[in-house]
């Protein structure tokens, strides 16, 4: 579930940045239901991935310095029969138990 929440927050953040309506970091944190420090962490993570984000004190918003699009999507669907054979989800290993004879003294 945390992955889905993270994707949702990044998508919401992207929309706010595109519209230049994030507000100050404190305001953005409230909009995303996060702490201010977590907002800074997410912004830094995106910058490390070469996302061109900057902050303007004049408009009090984060913005993209170049045209930029964030596309994060997760699709869940059942596999078709033929896809079962091309999917590896790990393996099963049978554990053998060794029975030793009991020696009576």
PDB file of N, CA and C in Angstrom:
ATOM      1  N   UNK A   1       0.802  -1.193   0.000  1.00  0.00           N
ATOM      2  CA  UNK A   1       0.000   0.000   0.000  1.00  0.00           C
ATOM      3  C   UNK A   1       0.852   1.267   0.000  1.00  0.00           C
ATOM      4  N   UNK A   2       2.008   1.229   0.649  1.00  0.00           N
ATOM      5  CA  UNK A   2       2.841   2.419   0.696  1.00  0.00           C
ATOM      6  C   UNK A   2       3.286   2.847  -0.693  1.00  0.00           C
ATOM      7  N   UNK A   3       3.532   1.889  -1.571  1.00  0.00           N
ATOM      8  CA  UNK A   3       3.922   2.212  -2.940  1.00  0.00           C
ATOM      9  C   UNK A   3       2.825   3.002  -3.630  1.00  0.00           C
ATOM     10  N   UNK A   4       1.583   2.576  -3.484  1.00  0.00           N
ATOM     11  CA  UNK A   4       0.466   3.263  -4.115  1.00  0.00           C
ATOM     12  C   UNK A   4       0.299   4.672  -3.548  1.00  0.00           C
ATOM     13  N   UNK A   5       0.492   4.825  -2.253  1.00  0.00           N
ATOM     14  CA  UNK A   5       0.402   6.142  -1.625  1.00  0.00           C
ATOM     15  C   UNK A   5       1.502   7.056  -2.155  1.00  0.00           C
ATOM     16  N   UNK A   6       2.712   6.517  -2.298  1.00  0.00           N
ATOM     17  CA  UNK A   6       3.840   7.307  -2.794  1.00  0.00           C
ATOM     18  C   UNK A   6       3.568   7.752  -4.233  1.00  0.00           C
ATOM     19  N   UNK A   7       3.100   6.839  -5.061  1.00  0.00           N
ATOM     20  CA  UNK A   7       2.793   7.171  -6.452  1.00  0.00           C
ATOM     21  C   UNK A   7       1.719   8.256  -6.507  1.00  0.00           C
ATOM     22  N   UNK A   8       0.690   8.116  -5.700  1.00  0.00           N
ATOM     23  CA  UNK A   8      -0.379   9.104  -5.668  1.00  0.00           C
ATOM     24  C   UNK A   8       0.167  10.470  -5.260  1.00  0.00           C
ATOM     25  N   UNK A   9       1.015  10.513  -4.251  1.00  0.00           N
ATOM     26  CA  UNK A   9       1.567  11.790  -3.792  1.00  0.00           C
ATOM     27  C   UNK A   9       2.467  12.431  -4.845  1.00  0.00           C
ATOM     28  N   UNK A  10       3.281  11.629  -5.504  1.00  0.00           N
ATOM     29  CA  UNK A  10       4.152  12.182  -6.548  1.00  0.00           C
ATOM     30  C   UNK A  10       3.303  12.708  -7.708  1.00  0.00           C
ATOM     31  N   UNK A  11       2.247  11.993  -8.068  1.00  0.00           N
ATOM     32  CA  UNK A  11       1.362  12.468  -9.129  1.00  0.00           C
ATOM     33  C   UNK A  11       0.665  13.771  -8.727  1.00  0.00           C
ATOM     34  N   UNK A  12       0.205  13.856  -7.485  1.00  0.00           N
ATOM     35  CA  UNK A  12      -0.427  15.089  -7.006  1.00  0.00           C
ATOM     36  C   UNK A  12       0.584  16.229  -6.954  1.00  0.00           C
ATOM     37  N   UNK A  13       1.785  15.930  -6.494  1.00  0.00           N
ATOM     38  CA  UNK A  13       2.850  16.929  -6.459  1.00  0.00           C
ATOM     39  C   UNK A  13       3.131  17.446  -7.866  1.00  0.00           C
ATOM     40  N   UNK A  14       3.222  16.549  -8.821  1.00  0.00           N
ATOM     41  CA  UNK A  14       3.475  16.931 -10.209  1.00  0.00           C
ATOM     42  C   UNK A  14       2.405  17.891 -10.722  1.00  0.00           C
ATOM     43  N   UNK A  15       1.143  17.592 -10.457  1.00  0.00           N
ATOM     44  CA  UNK A  15       0.059  18.461 -10.914  1.00  0.00           C
ATOM     45  C   UNK A  15       0.167  19.849 -10.290  1.00  0.00           C
ATOM     46  N   UNK A  16       0.501  19.910  -9.013  1.00  0.00           N
ATOM     47  CA  UNK A  16       0.644  21.200  -8.341  1.00  0.00           C
ATOM     48  C   UNK A  16       1.830  21.985  -8.896  1.00  0.00           C
ATOM     49  N   UNK A  17       2.927  21.290  -9.178  1.00  0.00           N
ATOM     50  CA  UNK A  17       4.103  21.953  -9.740  1.00  0.00           C
ATOM     51  C   UNK A  17       3.796  22.462 -11.140  1.00  0.00           C
ATOM     52  N   UNK A  18       3.120  21.650 -11.950  1.00  0.00           N
ATOM     53  CA  UNK A  18       2.753  22.080 -13.308  1.00  0.00           C
ATOM     54  C   UNK A  18       1.924  23.364 -13.282  1.00  0.00           C
ATOM     55  N   UNK A  19       1.009  23.466 -12.325  1.00  0.00           N
ATOM     56  CA  UNK A  19       0.137  24.646 -12.223  1.00  0.00           C
ATOM     57  C   UNK A  19       0.796  25.785 -11.449  1.00  0.00           C
ATOM     58  N   UNK A  20       2.003  25.517 -10.949  1.00  0.00           N
ATOM     59  CA  UNK A  20       2.730  26.497 -10.114  1.00  0.00           C
ATOM     60  C   UNK A  20       1.866  26.945  -8.940  1.00  0.00           C
ATOM     61  N   UNK A  21       1.274  25.941  -8.300  1.00  0.00           N
ATOM     62  CA  UNK A  21       0.377  26.245  -7.176  1.00  0.00           C
ATOM     63  C   UNK A  21       0.681  25.390  -5.957  1.00  0.00           C
ATOM     64  N   UNK A  22       1.974  25.143  -5.720  1.00  0.00           N
ATOM     65  CA  UNK A  22       2.334  24.333  -4.552  1.00  0.00           C
ATOM     66  C   UNK A  22       2.236  25.131  -3.265  1.00  0.00           C
ATOM     67  N   UNK A  23       2.474  26.451  -3.365  1.00  0.00           N
ATOM     68  CA  UNK A  23       2.566  27.255  -2.160  1.00  0.00           C
ATOM     69  C   UNK A  23       3.925  27.030  -1.514  1.00  0.00           C
ATOM     70  N   UNK A  24       4.085  27.610  -0.347  1.00  0.00           N
ATOM     71  CA  UNK A  24       5.325  27.417   0.422  1.00  0.00           C
ATOM     72  C   UNK A  24       5.437  25.949   0.815  1.00  0.00           C
ATOM     73  N   UNK A  25       6.641  25.489   1.163  1.00  0.00           N
ATOM     74  CA  UNK A  25       6.788  24.081   1.566  1.00  0.00           C
ATOM     75  C   UNK A  25       5.830  23.654   2.676  1.00  0.00           C
ATOM     76  N   UNK A  26       5.558  24.549   3.611  1.00  0.00           N
ATOM     77  CA  UNK A  26       4.625  24.219   4.696  1.00  0.00           C
ATOM     78  C   UNK A  26       3.207  23.999   4.157  1.00  0.00           C
ATOM     79  N   UNK A  27       2.806  24.844   3.210  1.00  0.00           N
ATOM     80  CA  UNK A  27       1.486  24.710   2.585  1.00  0.00           C
ATOM     81  C   UNK A  27       1.415  23.435   1.759  1.00  0.00           C
ATOM     82  N   UNK A  28       2.484  23.168   1.021  1.00  0.00           N
ATOM     83  CA  UNK A  28       2.541  21.954   0.208  1.00  0.00           C
ATOM     84  C   UNK A  28       2.446  20.709   1.084  1.00  0.00           C
ATOM     85  N   UNK A  29       3.121  20.740   2.213  1.00  0.00           N
ATOM     86  CA  UNK A  29       3.067  19.599   3.133  1.00  0.00           C
ATOM     87  C   UNK A  29       1.631  19.326   3.572  1.00  0.00           C
ATOM     88  N   UNK A  30       0.885  20.378   3.850  1.00  0.00           N
ATOM     89  CA  UNK A  30      -0.516  20.207   4.256  1.00  0.00           C
ATOM     90  C   UNK A  30      -1.350  19.652   3.105  1.00  0.00           C
ATOM     91  N   UNK A  31      -1.097  20.153   1.883  1.00  0.00           N
ATOM     92  CA  UNK A  31      -1.847  19.683   0.722  1.00  0.00           C
ATOM     93  C   UNK A  31      -1.609  18.196   0.461  1.00  0.00           C
ATOM     94  N   UNK A  32      -0.380  17.737   0.737  1.00  0.00           N
ATOM     95  CA  UNK A  32      -0.026  16.340   0.486  1.00  0.00           C
ATOM     96  C   UNK A  32      -0.161  15.465   1.728  1.00  0.00           C
ATOM     97  N   UNK A  33      -0.570  16.084   2.849  1.00  0.00           N
ATOM     98  CA  UNK A  33      -0.707  15.367   4.117  1.00  0.00           C
ATOM     99  C   UNK A  33       0.618  14.717   4.531  1.00  0.00           C
ATOM    100  N   UNK A  34       1.688  15.518   4.453  1.00  0.00           N
ATOM    101  CA  UNK A  34       3.028  15.057   4.802  1.00  0.00           C
ATOM    102  C   UNK A  34       3.676  16.059   5.747  1.00  0.00           C
ATOM    103  N   UNK A  35       4.786  15.661   6.326  1.00  0.00           N
ATOM    104  CA  UNK A  35       5.581  16.607   7.096  1.00  0.00           C
ATOM    105  C   UNK A  35       6.401  17.451   6.125  1.00  0.00           C
ATOM    106  N   UNK A  36       6.826  18.603   6.582  1.00  0.00           N
ATOM    107  CA  UNK A  36       7.637  19.481   5.740  1.00  0.00           C
ATOM    108  C   UNK A  36       8.947  18.786   5.373  1.00  0.00           C
ATOM    109  N   UNK A  37       9.531  18.071   6.318  1.00  0.00           N
ATOM    110  CA  UNK A  37      10.794  17.380   6.022  1.00  0.00           C
ATOM    111  C   UNK A  37      10.600  16.306   4.956  1.00  0.00           C
ATOM    112  N   UNK A  38       9.468  15.634   4.969  1.00  0.00           N
ATOM    113  CA  UNK A  38       9.198  14.608   3.945  1.00  0.00           C
ATOM    114  C   UNK A  38       9.004  15.255   2.571  1.00  0.00           C
ATOM    115  N   UNK A  39       8.380  16.423   2.528  1.00  0.00           N
ATOM    116  CA  UNK A  39       8.243  17.150   1.262  1.00  0.00           C
ATOM    117  C   UNK A  39       9.621  17.459   0.705  1.00  0.00           C
ATOM    118  N   UNK A  40      10.520  17.961   1.557  1.00  0.00           N
ATOM    119  CA  UNK A  40      11.880  18.258   1.116  1.00  0.00           C
ATOM    120  C   UNK A  40      12.583  16.993   0.608  1.00  0.00           C
ATOM    121  N   UNK A  41      12.356  15.868   1.275  1.00  0.00           N
ATOM    122  CA  UNK A  41      12.971  14.605   0.848  1.00  0.00           C
ATOM    123  C   UNK A  41      12.474  14.187  -0.537  1.00  0.00           C
ATOM    124  N   UNK A  42      11.178  14.283  -0.766  1.00  0.00           N
ATOM    125  CA  UNK A  42      10.620  13.897  -2.063  1.00  0.00           C
ATOM    126  C   UNK A  42      11.147  14.815  -3.161  1.00  0.00           C
ATOM    127  N   UNK A  43      11.170  16.122  -2.893  1.00  0.00           N
ATOM    128  CA  UNK A  43      11.700  17.068  -3.878  1.00  0.00           C
ATOM    129  C   UNK A  43      13.162  16.727  -4.189  1.00  0.00           C
ATOM    130  N   UNK A  44      13.942  16.423  -3.160  1.00  0.00           N
ATOM    131  CA  UNK A  44      15.353  16.077  -3.363  1.00  0.00           C
ATOM    132  C   UNK A  44      15.496  14.779  -4.154  1.00  0.00           C
ATOM    133  N   UNK A  45      14.653  13.787  -3.856  1.00  0.00           N
ATOM    134  CA  UNK A  45      14.682  12.529  -4.613  1.00  0.00           C
ATOM    135  C   UNK A  45      14.411  12.781  -6.093  1.00  0.00           C
ATOM    136  N   UNK A  46      13.436  13.636  -6.380  1.00  0.00           N
ATOM    137  CA  UNK A  46      13.118  13.951  -7.771  1.00  0.00           C
ATOM    138  C   UNK A  46      14.276  14.689  -8.442  1.00  0.00           C
ATOM    139  N   UNK A  47      14.901  15.611  -7.718  1.00  0.00           N
ATOM    140  CA  UNK A  47      16.052  16.334  -8.276  1.00  0.00           C
ATOM    141  C   UNK A  47      17.200  15.383  -8.584  1.00  0.00           C
ATOM    142  N   UNK A  48      17.390  14.383  -7.728  1.00  0.00           N
ATOM    143  CA  UNK A  48      18.440  13.383  -7.973  1.00  0.00           C
ATOM    144  C   UNK A  48      18.154  12.557  -9.216  1.00  0.00           C
ATOM    145  N   UNK A  49      16.879  12.478  -9.596  1.00  0.00           N
ATOM    146  CA  UNK A  49      16.488  11.772 -10.819  1.00  0.00           C
ATOM    147  C   UNK A  49      16.438  12.726 -12.013  1.00  0.00           C
ATOM    148  N   UNK A  50      17.086  13.875 -11.864  1.00  0.00           N
ATOM    149  CA  UNK A  50      17.205  14.863 -12.943  1.00  0.00           C
ATOM    150  C   UNK A  50      15.892  15.559 -13.297  1.00  0.00           C
ATOM    151  N   UNK A  51      14.947  15.596 -12.369  1.00  0.00           N
ATOM    152  CA  UNK A  51      13.714  16.342 -12.590  1.00  0.00           C
ATOM    153  C   UNK A  51      14.036  17.823 -12.342  1.00  0.00           C
ATOM    154  N   UNK A  52      13.763  18.701 -13.327  1.00  0.00           N
ATOM    155  CA  UNK A  52      14.155  20.110 -13.217  1.00  0.00           C
ATOM    156  C   UNK A  52      13.193  20.933 -12.352  1.00  0.00           C
ATOM    157  N   UNK A  53      13.327  20.821 -11.035  1.00  0.00           N
ATOM    158  CA  UNK A  53      12.444  21.517 -10.100  1.00  0.00           C
ATOM    159  C   UNK A  53      13.213  22.654  -9.444  1.00  0.00           C
ATOM    160  N   UNK A  54      12.548  23.791  -9.322  1.00  0.00           N
ATOM    161  CA  UNK A  54      13.107  24.934  -8.598  1.00  0.00           C
ATOM    162  C   UNK A  54      11.987  25.555  -7.773  1.00  0.00           C
ATOM    163  N   UNK A  55      12.374  26.437  -6.863  1.00  0.00           N
ATOM    164  CA  UNK A  55      11.385  27.140  -6.043  1.00  0.00           C
ATOM    165  C   UNK A  55      11.500  28.633  -6.300  1.00  0.00           C
ATOM    166  N   UNK A  56      10.376  29.294  -6.457  1.00  0.00           N
ATOM    167  CA  UNK A  56      10.338  30.739  -6.650  1.00  0.00           C
ATOM    168  C   UNK A  56       9.749  31.399  -5.415  1.00  0.00           C
ATOM    169  N   UNK A  57      10.511  32.288  -4.797  1.00  0.00           N
ATOM    170  CA  UNK A  57       9.984  33.034  -3.648  1.00  0.00           C
ATOM    171  C   UNK A  57       8.960  34.067  -4.100  1.00  0.00           C
ATOM    172  N   UNK A  58       9.096  34.521  -5.330  1.00  0.00           N
ATOM    173  CA  UNK A  58       8.172  35.527  -5.859  1.00  0.00           C
ATOM    174  C   UNK A  58       6.757  34.974  -5.973  1.00  0.00           C
ATOM    175  N   UNK A  59       6.624  33.817  -6.609  1.00  0.00           N
ATOM    176  CA  UNK A  59       5.293  33.217  -6.767  1.00  0.00           C
ATOM    177  C   UNK A  59       4.963  32.225  -5.658  1.00  0.00           C
ATOM    178  N   UNK A  60       5.930  31.994  -4.777  1.00  0.00           N
ATOM    179  CA  UNK A  60       5.797  31.065  -3.649  1.00  0.00           C
ATOM    180  C   UNK A  60       5.294  29.703  -4.111  1.00  0.00           C
ATOM    181  N   UNK A  61       6.044  29.128  -5.036  1.00  0.00           N
ATOM    182  CA  UNK A  61       5.678  27.812  -5.554  1.00  0.00           C
ATOM    183  C   UNK A  61       6.899  27.143  -6.166  1.00  0.00           C
ATOM    184  N   UNK A  62       6.872  25.824  -6.137  1.00  0.00           N
ATOM    185  CA  UNK A  62       7.830  25.061  -6.924  1.00  0.00           C
ATOM    186  C   UNK A  62       7.357  25.111  -8.367  1.00  0.00           C
ATOM    187  N   UNK A  63       8.288  24.995  -9.292  1.00  0.00           N
ATOM    188  CA  UNK A  63       7.949  24.986 -10.709  1.00  0.00           C
ATOM    189  C   UNK A  63       9.007  24.185 -11.453  1.00  0.00           C
ATOM    190  N   UNK A  64       8.682  23.786 -12.670  1.00  0.00           N
ATOM    191  CA  UNK A  64       9.646  23.096 -13.524  1.00  0.00           C
ATOM    192  C   UNK A  64      10.414  24.145 -14.325  1.00  0.00           C
ATOM    193  N   UNK A  65      11.730  24.032 -14.346  1.00  0.00           N
ATOM    194  CA  UNK A  65      12.550  24.984 -15.094  1.00  0.00           C
ATOM    195  C   UNK A  65      12.502  24.699 -16.594  1.00  0.00           C
ATOM    196  N   UNK A  66      12.139  23.495 -16.980  1.00  0.00           N
ATOM    197  CA  UNK A  66      11.937  23.091 -18.373  1.00  0.00           C
ATOM    198  C   UNK A  66      10.617  22.332 -18.435  1.00  0.00           C
ATOM    199  N   UNK A  67      10.052  22.250 -19.639  1.00  0.00           N
ATOM    200  CA  UNK A  67       8.848  21.428 -19.780  1.00  0.00           C
ATOM    201  C   UNK A  67       9.170  20.019 -19.314  1.00  0.00           C
ATOM    202  N   UNK A  68       8.291  19.467 -18.513  1.00  0.00           N
ATOM    203  CA  UNK A  68       8.567  18.163 -17.923  1.00  0.00           C
ATOM    204  C   UNK A  68       7.256  17.449 -17.652  1.00  0.00           C
ATOM    205  N   UNK A  69       7.268  16.153 -17.808  1.00  0.00           N
ATOM    206  CA  UNK A  69       6.093  15.334 -17.536  1.00  0.00           C
ATOM    207  C   UNK A  69       6.507  14.172 -16.648  1.00  0.00           C
ATOM    208  N   UNK A  70       5.699  13.892 -15.651  1.00  0.00           N
ATOM    209  CA  UNK A  70       5.915  12.744 -14.773  1.00  0.00           C
ATOM    210  C   UNK A  70       4.823  11.738 -15.083  1.00  0.00           C
ATOM    211  N   UNK A  71       5.218  10.534 -15.447  1.00  0.00           N
ATOM    212  CA  UNK A  71       4.260   9.479 -15.748  1.00  0.00           C
ATOM    213  C   UNK A  71       4.561   8.279 -14.857  1.00  0.00           C
ATOM    214  N   UNK A  72       3.748   8.109 -13.846  1.00  0.00           N
ATOM    215  CA  UNK A  72       3.872   6.961 -12.952  1.00  0.00           C
ATOM    216  C   UNK A  72       2.520   6.277 -12.955  1.00  0.00           C
ATOM    217  N   UNK A  73       2.528   5.004 -13.324  1.00  0.00           N
ATOM    218  CA  UNK A  73       1.270   4.280 -13.443  1.00  0.00           C
ATOM    219  C   UNK A  73       1.481   2.837 -13.017  1.00  0.00           C
ATOM    220  N   UNK A  74       0.502   2.302 -12.355  1.00  0.00           N
ATOM    221  CA  UNK A  74       0.511   0.892 -11.976  1.00  0.00           C
ATOM    222  C   UNK A  74      -0.784   0.289 -12.481  1.00  0.00           C
ATOM    223  N   UNK A  75      -0.673  -0.813 -13.179  1.00  0.00           N
ATOM    224  CA  UNK A  75      -1.864  -1.488 -13.672  1.00  0.00           C
ATOM    225  C   UNK A  75      -1.903  -2.890 -13.084  1.00  0.00           C
ATOM    226  N   UNK A  76      -3.026  -3.246 -12.558  1.00  0.00           N
ATOM    227  CA  UNK A  76      -3.227  -4.573 -11.981  1.00  0.00           C
ATOM    228  C   UNK A  76      -4.281  -5.282 -12.808  1.00  0.00           C
ATOM    229  N   UNK A  77      -3.962  -6.487 -13.249  1.00  0.00           N
ATOM    230  CA  UNK A  77      -4.913  -7.266 -14.043  1.00  0.00           C
ATOM    231  C   UNK A  77      -4.565  -8.738 -13.905  1.00  0.00           C
ATOM    232  N   UNK A  78      -5.552  -9.579 -14.079  1.00  0.00           N
ATOM    233  CA  UNK A  78      -5.261 -11.019 -14.042  1.00  0.00           C
ATOM    234  C   UNK A  78      -4.447 -11.419 -15.272  1.00  0.00           C
ATOM    235  N   UNK A  79      -3.597 -12.422 -15.115  1.00  0.00           N
ATOM    236  CA  UNK A  79      -2.813 -12.931 -16.237  1.00  0.00           C
ATOM    237  C   UNK A  79      -3.674 -13.809 -17.129  1.00  0.00           C
ATOM    238  N   UNK A  80      -3.395 -13.736 -18.408  1.00  0.00           N
ATOM    239  CA  UNK A  80      -4.040 -14.653 -19.345  1.00  0.00           C
ATOM    240  C   UNK A  80      -3.332 -16.001 -19.231  1.00  0.00           C
ATOM    241  N   UNK A  81      -3.987 -17.049 -19.673  1.00  0.00           N
ATOM    242  CA  UNK A  81      -3.449 -18.400 -19.546  1.00  0.00           C
ATOM    243  C   UNK A  81      -2.038 -18.517 -20.112  1.00  0.00           C
ATOM    244  N   UNK A  82      -1.806 -17.986 -21.315  1.00  0.00           N
ATOM    245  CA  UNK A  82      -0.486 -18.115 -21.941  1.00  0.00           C
ATOM    246  C   UNK A  82       0.586 -17.311 -21.204  1.00  0.00           C
ATOM    247  N   UNK A  83       0.197 -16.289 -20.452  1.00  0.00           N
ATOM    248  CA  UNK A  83       1.164 -15.490 -19.708  1.00  0.00           C
ATOM    249  C   UNK A  83       1.683 -16.220 -18.474  1.00  0.00           C
ATOM    250  N   UNK A  84       0.941 -17.178 -17.978  1.00  0.00           N
ATOM    251  CA  UNK A  84       1.367 -17.940 -16.801  1.00  0.00           C
ATOM    252  C   UNK A  84       2.691 -18.651 -17.057  1.00  0.00           C
ATOM    253  N   UNK A  85       2.909 -19.081 -18.274  1.00  0.00           N
ATOM    254  CA  UNK A  85       4.104 -19.853 -18.597  1.00  0.00           C
ATOM    255  C   UNK A  85       5.346 -18.985 -18.744  1.00  0.00           C
ATOM    256  N   UNK A  86       5.164 -17.687 -18.915  1.00  0.00           N
ATOM    257  CA  UNK A  86       6.288 -16.778 -19.108  1.00  0.00           C
ATOM    258  C   UNK A  86       6.551 -15.912 -17.882  1.00  0.00           C
ATOM    259  N   UNK A  87       5.933 -16.243 -16.786  1.00  0.00           N
ATOM    260  CA  UNK A  87       6.082 -15.471 -15.562  1.00  0.00           C
ATOM    261  C   UNK A  87       6.783 -16.320 -14.523  1.00  0.00           C
ATOM    262  N   UNK A  88       7.800 -15.745 -13.920  1.00  0.00           N
ATOM    263  CA  UNK A  88       8.512 -16.448 -12.858  1.00  0.00           C
ATOM    264  C   UNK A  88       8.307 -15.691 -11.562  1.00  0.00           C
ATOM    265  N   UNK A  89       7.715 -16.333 -10.630  1.00  0.00           N
ATOM    266  CA  UNK A  89       7.466 -15.695  -9.338  1.00  0.00           C
ATOM    267  C   UNK A  89       8.255 -16.353  -8.232  1.00  0.00           C
ATOM    268  N   UNK A  90       9.371 -16.955  -8.566  1.00  0.00           N
ATOM    269  CA  UNK A  90      10.156 -17.655  -7.567  1.00  0.00           C
ATOM    270  C   UNK A  90      10.059 -19.141  -7.790  1.00  0.00           C
ATOM    271  N   UNK A  91      10.453 -19.887  -6.821  1.00  0.00           N
ATOM    272  CA  UNK A  91      10.423 -21.334  -6.980  1.00  0.00           C
ATOM    273  C   UNK A  91      10.088 -22.015  -5.674  1.00  0.00           C
ATOM    274  N   UNK A  92       9.894 -23.271  -5.777  1.00  0.00           N
ATOM    275  CA  UNK A  92       9.585 -24.078  -4.612  1.00  0.00           C
ATOM    276  C   UNK A  92      10.667 -25.133  -4.480  1.00  0.00           C
ATOM    277  N   UNK A  93      11.229 -25.212  -3.337  1.00  0.00           N
ATOM    278  CA  UNK A  93      12.284 -26.189  -3.122  1.00  0.00           C
ATOM    279  C   UNK A  93      11.824 -27.165  -2.046  1.00  0.00           C
ATOM    280  N   UNK A  94      11.827 -28.417  -2.393  1.00  0.00           N
ATOM    281  CA  UNK A  94      11.419 -29.443  -1.448  1.00  0.00           C
ATOM    282  C   UNK A  94      12.577 -29.733  -0.515  1.00  0.00           C
ATOM    283  N   UNK A  95      12.274 -29.737   0.744  1.00  0.00           N
ATOM    284  CA  UNK A  95      13.299 -30.045   1.739  1.00  0.00           C
ATOM    285  C   UNK A  95      13.129 -31.500   2.137  1.00  0.00           C
ATOM    286  N   UNK A  96      14.201 -32.253   1.987  1.00  0.00           N
ATOM    287  CA  UNK A  96      14.176 -33.672   2.349  1.00  0.00           C
ATOM    288  C   UNK A  96      14.627 -33.810   3.793  1.00  0.00           C
ATOM    289  N   UNK A  97      13.944 -34.661   4.502  1.00  0.00           N
ATOM    290  CA  UNK A  97      14.361 -34.927   5.877  1.00  0.00           C
ATOM    291  C   UNK A  97      15.086 -36.274   5.888  1.00  0.00           C
ATOM    292  N   UNK A  98      16.112 -36.300   6.624  1.00  0.00           N
ATOM    293  CA  UNK A  98      16.926 -37.516   6.721  1.00  0.00           C
ATOM    294  C   UNK A  98      16.609 -38.185   8.052  1.00  0.00           C
ATOM    295  N   UNK A  99      16.133 -39.421   7.973  1.00  0.00           N
ATOM    296  CA  UNK A  99      15.820 -40.164   9.197  1.00  0.00           C
ATOM    297  C   UNK A  99      16.983 -41.089   9.508  1.00  0.00           C
ATOM    298  N   UNK A 100      17.567 -40.902  10.658  1.00  0.00           N
ATOM    299  CA  UNK A 100      18.668 -41.762  11.079  1.00  0.00           C
ATOM    300  C   UNK A 100      18.140 -42.800  12.067  1.00  0.00           C
ATOM    301  N   UNK A 101      18.641 -44.021  11.973  1.00  0.00           N
ATOM    302  CA  UNK A 101      18.182 -45.036  12.922  1.00  0.00           C
ATOM    303  C   UNK A 101      18.629 -44.690  14.347  1.00  0.00           C
ATOM    304  N   UNK A 102      17.767 -44.987  15.283  1.00  0.00           N
ATOM    305  CA  UNK A 102      18.108 -44.737  16.665  1.00  0.00           C
ATOM    306  C   UNK A 102      18.920 -45.924  17.181  1.00  0.00           C
ATOM    307  N   UNK A 103      20.018 -45.629  17.832  1.00  0.00           N
ATOM    308  CA  UNK A 103      20.877 -46.700  18.368  1.00  0.00           C
ATOM    309  C   UNK A 103      20.583 -46.809  19.860  1.00  0.00           C
ATOM    310  N   UNK A 104      20.197 -47.979  20.276  1.00  0.00           N
ATOM    311  CA  UNK A 104      19.902 -48.208  21.680  1.00  0.00           C
ATOM    312  C   UNK A 104      21.139 -48.785  22.352  1.00  0.00           C
ATOM    313  N   UNK A 105      21.523 -48.225  23.432  1.00  0.00           N
ATOM    314  CA  UNK A 105      22.671 -48.730  24.169  1.00  0.00           C
ATOM    315  C   UNK A 105      22.235 -49.412  25.428  1.00  0.00           C
TER     316      UNK A 105
END
